[in-house]
């Protein structure tokens, strides 16, 4: 009886564990630890609790190619990326919910994020509408709408907070936020 109780407590503790990602004062924190462009992949793997996939890609060519490095944690719903020429910060993309219209989806090709995401103390995991984002005093919201088959929908919203851009993507049908990128 005692043994089964201990196993039950351990299973609850393991299943409840999720990453906490905070963005405040133009800084990114994972489980309360500051991360930036210089954070090694091994540290990210340790903070995320699994080994992520590393991928390098070339961006648009202007004069020289810009290379990006991606650290993808597909099962956790998180993708980190950094510009190899920029040594200042690490960007992150988080998928909160799957898009209802799969044919229209250009979201992250990840599972849904099971942890907690905060921007300046505001919990971001719940399904937020554009009106709820506009009512928050931490940032200024700019969004772009479009019309498709007689219906208006939000293409994206940009949250101006600090010096970095935060881009929120919305479900076309439900009109609720389902992905966020901190660039």
Protein backbone atom coordinates (compact mmCIF):
# COMPACT_ATOMS: atom_id res chain seq x y z
CA UNK A 1 0.00 0.00 0.00
CA UNK A 2 2.77 2.41 0.94
CA UNK A 3 4.71 1.54 -2.19
CA UNK A 4 1.73 2.22 -4.47
CA UNK A 5 1.13 5.57 -2.74
CA UNK A 6 4.76 6.62 -3.33
CA UNK A 7 4.56 5.58 -7.00
CA UNK A 8 1.31 7.54 -7.37
CA UNK A 9 2.90 10.69 -5.89
CA UNK A 10 5.94 10.33 -8.17
CA UNK A 11 3.76 9.93 -11.27
CA UNK A 12 1.75 13.04 -10.42
CA UNK A 13 4.95 15.01 -9.87
CA UNK A 14 6.47 13.88 -13.15
CA UNK A 15 3.33 14.48 -15.20
CA UNK A 16 2.80 17.97 -13.75
CA UNK A 17 6.31 19.13 -14.69
CA UNK A 18 6.42 21.58 -17.55
CA UNK A 19 8.74 24.32 -18.61
CA UNK A 20 8.14 27.87 -17.54
CA UNK A 21 9.18 30.45 -20.10
CA UNK A 22 9.26 34.08 -18.99
CA UNK A 23 9.93 37.14 -21.10
CA UNK A 24 10.49 40.29 -19.07
CA UNK A 25 12.66 43.37 -19.46
CA UNK A 26 13.71 42.21 -22.95
CA UNK A 27 15.19 39.03 -21.46
CA UNK A 28 14.21 35.38 -21.90
CA UNK A 29 14.12 32.99 -18.93
CA UNK A 30 13.52 29.24 -18.89
CA UNK A 31 12.61 27.83 -15.49
CA UNK A 32 13.85 31.12 -13.97
CA UNK A 33 17.28 30.84 -15.63
CA UNK A 34 18.37 33.57 -18.06
CA UNK A 35 19.12 32.35 -21.59
CA UNK A 36 20.51 34.25 -24.56
CA UNK A 37 22.30 33.71 -27.87
CA UNK A 38 25.41 32.47 -26.05
CA UNK A 39 23.57 29.78 -24.09
CA UNK A 40 24.91 26.40 -25.28
CA UNK A 41 22.52 23.80 -26.67
CA UNK A 42 23.43 21.42 -23.84
CA UNK A 43 22.11 23.95 -21.30
CA UNK A 44 18.89 24.39 -23.30
CA UNK A 45 18.51 20.60 -23.44
CA UNK A 46 18.93 20.40 -19.67
CA UNK A 47 16.42 23.21 -19.04
CA UNK A 48 13.89 21.72 -21.46
CA UNK A 49 14.31 18.22 -20.04
CA UNK A 50 15.04 16.54 -23.38
CA UNK A 51 17.48 16.62 -26.27
CA UNK A 52 16.38 18.98 -29.02
CA UNK A 53 17.18 18.83 -32.71
CA UNK A 54 19.69 21.36 -34.04
CA UNK A 55 19.20 22.68 -37.55
CA UNK A 56 21.03 25.38 -39.52
CA UNK A 57 19.41 27.30 -42.35
CA UNK A 58 20.38 30.14 -44.64
CA UNK A 59 18.19 33.23 -44.74
CA UNK A 60 17.60 35.68 -47.56
CA UNK A 61 20.69 36.80 -49.36
CA UNK A 62 21.33 40.53 -49.46
CA UNK A 63 25.09 40.87 -49.62
CA UNK A 64 26.08 37.90 -47.51
CA UNK A 65 23.97 34.98 -46.46
CA UNK A 66 22.53 35.20 -42.99
CA UNK A 67 22.61 31.87 -41.20
CA UNK A 68 20.11 30.85 -38.57
CA UNK A 69 20.45 28.10 -36.01
CA UNK A 70 17.28 26.41 -34.75
CA UNK A 71 16.91 24.29 -31.62
CA UNK A 72 13.67 22.37 -32.06
CA UNK A 73 11.83 20.65 -29.22
CA UNK A 74 8.96 19.25 -31.27
CA UNK A 75 7.34 17.19 -28.50
CA UNK A 76 7.40 20.18 -26.14
CA UNK A 77 5.95 22.70 -28.62
CA UNK A 78 8.96 25.05 -28.54
CA UNK A 79 11.47 26.22 -31.13
CA UNK A 80 14.43 28.46 -30.31
CA UNK A 81 16.26 30.27 -33.08
CA UNK A 82 19.10 32.70 -33.38
CA UNK A 83 20.79 34.70 -36.10
CA UNK A 84 24.42 33.64 -36.20
CA UNK A 85 25.51 37.19 -37.02
CA UNK A 86 23.61 38.70 -34.09
CA UNK A 87 25.09 37.96 -30.70
CA UNK A 88 22.48 39.68 -28.58
CA UNK A 89 19.47 37.44 -28.01
CA UNK A 90 17.77 34.11 -28.51
CA UNK A 91 14.34 34.05 -30.15
CA UNK A 92 11.57 31.58 -29.35
CA UNK A 93 8.42 30.27 -31.01
CA UNK A 94 5.71 28.55 -28.95
CA UNK A 95 2.65 26.70 -30.20
CA UNK A 96 -0.20 26.88 -27.70
CA UNK A 97 -3.01 25.31 -29.72
CA UNK A 98 -3.45 23.56 -33.04
CA UNK A 99 -5.06 25.64 -35.79
CA UNK A 100 -8.66 24.56 -36.40
CA UNK A 101 -8.34 24.92 -40.16
CA UNK A 102 -5.48 22.59 -41.09
CA UNK A 103 -5.43 23.67 -44.75
CA UNK A 104 -4.75 27.27 -43.72
CA UNK A 105 -2.16 26.45 -41.06
CA UNK A 106 1.31 27.94 -41.42
CA UNK A 107 1.94 27.55 -37.71
CA UNK A 108 4.90 25.87 -36.13
CA UNK A 109 5.02 22.18 -36.99
CA UNK A 110 5.20 21.20 -33.33
CA UNK A 111 3.07 19.55 -30.68
CA UNK A 112 1.26 21.90 -28.31
CA UNK A 113 3.18 23.52 -25.47
CA UNK A 114 2.42 21.99 -22.06
CA UNK A 115 4.36 24.43 -19.89
CA UNK A 116 3.64 28.00 -18.83
CA UNK A 117 4.42 31.17 -20.80
CA UNK A 118 4.52 34.63 -19.21
CA UNK A 119 5.23 37.99 -20.79
CA UNK A 120 5.86 40.68 -18.19
CA UNK A 121 3.91 38.63 -15.65
CA UNK A 122 0.91 38.10 -17.97
CA UNK A 123 -0.05 34.44 -18.39
CA UNK A 124 -0.20 33.76 -22.13
CA UNK A 125 -1.28 30.11 -22.41
CA UNK A 126 -5.01 30.69 -22.28
CA UNK A 127 -6.79 31.37 -25.53
CA UNK A 128 -6.57 35.12 -25.90
CA UNK A 129 -8.59 37.27 -28.26
CA UNK A 130 -7.21 40.44 -29.78
CA UNK A 131 -9.43 42.47 -27.42
CA UNK A 132 -7.88 40.77 -24.39
CA UNK A 133 -4.38 41.51 -25.69
CA UNK A 134 -5.29 45.17 -26.26
CA UNK A 135 -6.59 45.53 -22.69
CA UNK A 136 -3.19 44.65 -21.23
CA UNK A 137 -1.18 47.72 -20.29
CA UNK A 138 2.24 46.03 -20.64
CA UNK A 139 2.40 46.46 -24.41
CA UNK A 140 0.97 48.25 -27.40
CA UNK A 141 -0.82 46.01 -29.94
CA UNK A 142 -0.83 46.45 -33.69
CA UNK A 143 -2.70 43.86 -35.75
CA UNK A 144 -3.45 43.20 -39.39
CA UNK A 145 -6.75 41.79 -40.63
CA UNK A 146 -7.77 40.32 -43.94
CA UNK A 147 -10.96 39.17 -45.61
CA UNK A 148 -11.30 35.62 -46.93
CA UNK A 149 -14.54 34.35 -48.47
CA UNK A 150 -16.52 37.20 -46.93
CA UNK A 151 -15.14 36.69 -43.44
CA UNK A 152 -12.68 38.94 -41.59
CA UNK A 153 -9.83 37.34 -39.70
CA UNK A 154 -6.62 38.43 -38.00
CA UNK A 155 -3.45 37.62 -39.91
CA UNK A 156 -1.14 38.43 -37.00
CA UNK A 157 -0.66 40.81 -34.13
CA UNK A 158 2.54 42.53 -33.10
CA UNK A 159 2.97 43.29 -29.43
CA UNK A 160 5.37 46.16 -28.87
CA UNK A 161 7.05 45.46 -25.56
CA UNK A 162 10.54 46.73 -24.83
CA UNK A 163 13.02 46.56 -27.69
CA UNK A 164 11.98 43.20 -29.11
CA UNK A 165 9.08 42.26 -31.32
CA UNK A 166 6.50 39.75 -30.18
CA UNK A 167 4.37 38.28 -32.96
CA UNK A 168 1.11 36.47 -32.15
CA UNK A 169 -0.69 34.26 -34.68
CA UNK A 170 -4.41 33.63 -34.50
CA UNK A 171 -6.73 30.80 -35.41
CA UNK A 172 -8.69 31.89 -38.48
CA UNK A 173 -11.95 30.30 -37.40
CA UNK A 174 -11.94 30.79 -33.61
CA UNK A 175 -10.12 34.16 -33.79
CA UNK A 176 -8.01 33.26 -30.75
CA UNK A 177 -4.23 33.30 -30.33
CA UNK A 178 -2.57 29.94 -30.94
CA UNK A 179 1.15 30.71 -31.52
CA UNK A 180 3.59 33.32 -30.32
CA UNK A 181 7.05 34.30 -31.50
CA UNK A 182 9.44 36.46 -29.51
CA UNK A 183 11.88 37.73 -32.11
